[in-house]
Amino acid sequence: MPLGRLTYCVYLIHLDFLNVYFAMERRLYYYTFYGQVITYVGLLLSMIGLAFVITVIAEAPFINIEKIILVPAKKGITQLG
């Protein structure tokens, strides 16, 4: 389940991330196989890292709230005090 959330977050942010990356490119880019592989791996790892941060910051609190609301109270346990 966490991997599914992470890949969905990568899916949501990847186009914006690529647009920003290529818009900031200020030099000529010569397409070579090695350059493509390095660029792909670097962008992929960057997007996964950013998606992880977004998932932890945005989704984790809502998952905890959902667990609190949807978990039924256990019967037979009383609090003393």
Protein backbone atom coordinates (compact mmCIF):
# COMPACT_ATOMS: atom_id res chain seq x y z
CA MET A 1 0.00 0.00 0.00
CA PRO A 2 2.71 2.61 0.79
CA LEU A 3 4.46 1.87 -2.51
CA GLY A 4 1.18 2.47 -4.33
CA ARG A 5 0.79 5.87 -2.67
CA LEU A 6 4.36 6.74 -3.55
CA THR A 7 4.01 5.82 -7.21
CA TYR A 8 0.71 7.69 -7.44
CA CYS A 9 2.39 10.79 -5.99
CA VAL A 10 5.21 10.43 -8.57
CA TYR A 11 2.54 10.22 -11.26
CA LEU A 12 0.93 13.44 -9.99
CA ILE A 13 4.12 15.50 -9.83
CA HIS A 14 6.23 14.18 -12.70
CA LEU A 15 4.95 16.49 -15.47
CA ASP A 16 5.39 19.64 -13.39
CA PHE A 17 8.82 18.48 -12.27
CA LEU A 18 9.93 17.81 -15.86
CA ASN A 19 8.57 21.16 -17.06
CA VAL A 20 10.52 23.01 -14.39
CA TYR A 21 13.68 21.01 -15.05
CA PHE A 22 13.73 21.55 -18.79
CA ALA A 23 12.63 25.20 -18.50
CA MET A 24 15.65 25.88 -16.27
CA GLU A 25 18.06 24.26 -18.74
CA ARG A 26 20.31 27.08 -20.03
CA ARG A 27 22.66 25.20 -22.32
CA LEU A 28 22.39 23.17 -25.47
CA TYR A 29 21.64 19.55 -24.81
CA TYR A 30 23.18 16.99 -27.14
CA TYR A 31 21.24 13.76 -27.13
CA THR A 32 23.48 10.80 -26.51
CA PHE A 33 22.60 7.45 -25.06
CA TYR A 34 24.79 8.00 -22.00
CA GLY A 35 23.36 11.49 -21.43
CA GLN A 36 19.81 10.15 -21.69
CA VAL A 37 20.48 7.38 -19.17
CA ILE A 38 22.09 9.75 -16.67
CA THR A 39 19.30 12.32 -17.06
CA TYR A 40 16.59 9.65 -16.73
CA VAL A 41 18.06 8.07 -13.62
CA GLY A 42 18.71 11.46 -12.00
CA LEU A 43 15.20 12.74 -12.71
CA LEU A 44 13.62 9.46 -11.58
CA LEU A 45 15.45 9.47 -8.26
CA SER A 46 14.70 13.15 -7.74
CA MET A 47 10.99 12.62 -8.39
CA ILE A 48 10.85 9.62 -6.08
CA GLY A 49 12.56 11.62 -3.32
CA LEU A 50 10.20 14.56 -3.76
CA ALA A 51 7.20 12.22 -3.86
CA PHE A 52 8.37 10.59 -0.62
CA VAL A 53 8.60 13.96 1.11
CA ILE A 54 5.15 14.98 -0.15
CA THR A 55 3.67 11.63 0.89
CA VAL A 56 5.12 11.89 4.39
CA ILE A 57 4.07 15.50 4.86
CA ALA A 58 0.63 15.40 3.23
CA GLU A 59 -0.73 11.87 3.46
CA ALA A 60 0.64 10.46 6.71
CA PRO A 61 -1.38 12.77 9.01
CA PHE A 62 -4.58 11.96 7.13
CA ILE A 63 -3.88 8.23 7.40
CA ASN A 64 -3.53 8.58 11.18
CA ILE A 65 -6.79 10.54 11.41
CA GLU A 66 -8.50 7.89 9.30
CA LYS A 67 -7.26 5.14 11.64
CA ILE A 68 -8.56 7.02 14.68
CA ILE A 69 -11.99 7.61 13.15
CA LEU A 70 -12.56 4.24 11.51
CA VAL A 71 -11.16 1.86 14.15
CA PRO A 72 -14.06 0.64 16.30
CA ALA A 73 -13.71 0.89 20.06
CA LYS A 74 -12.73 -2.40 21.70
CA LYS A 75 -15.50 -3.89 23.82
CA GLY A 76 -14.86 -5.11 27.34
CA ILE A 77 -11.93 -2.82 28.06
CA THR A 78 -12.56 -0.16 30.65
CA GLN A 79 -10.26 2.56 31.81
CA LEU A 80 -9.58 2.78 35.53
CA GLY A 81 -8.88 6.08 37.08
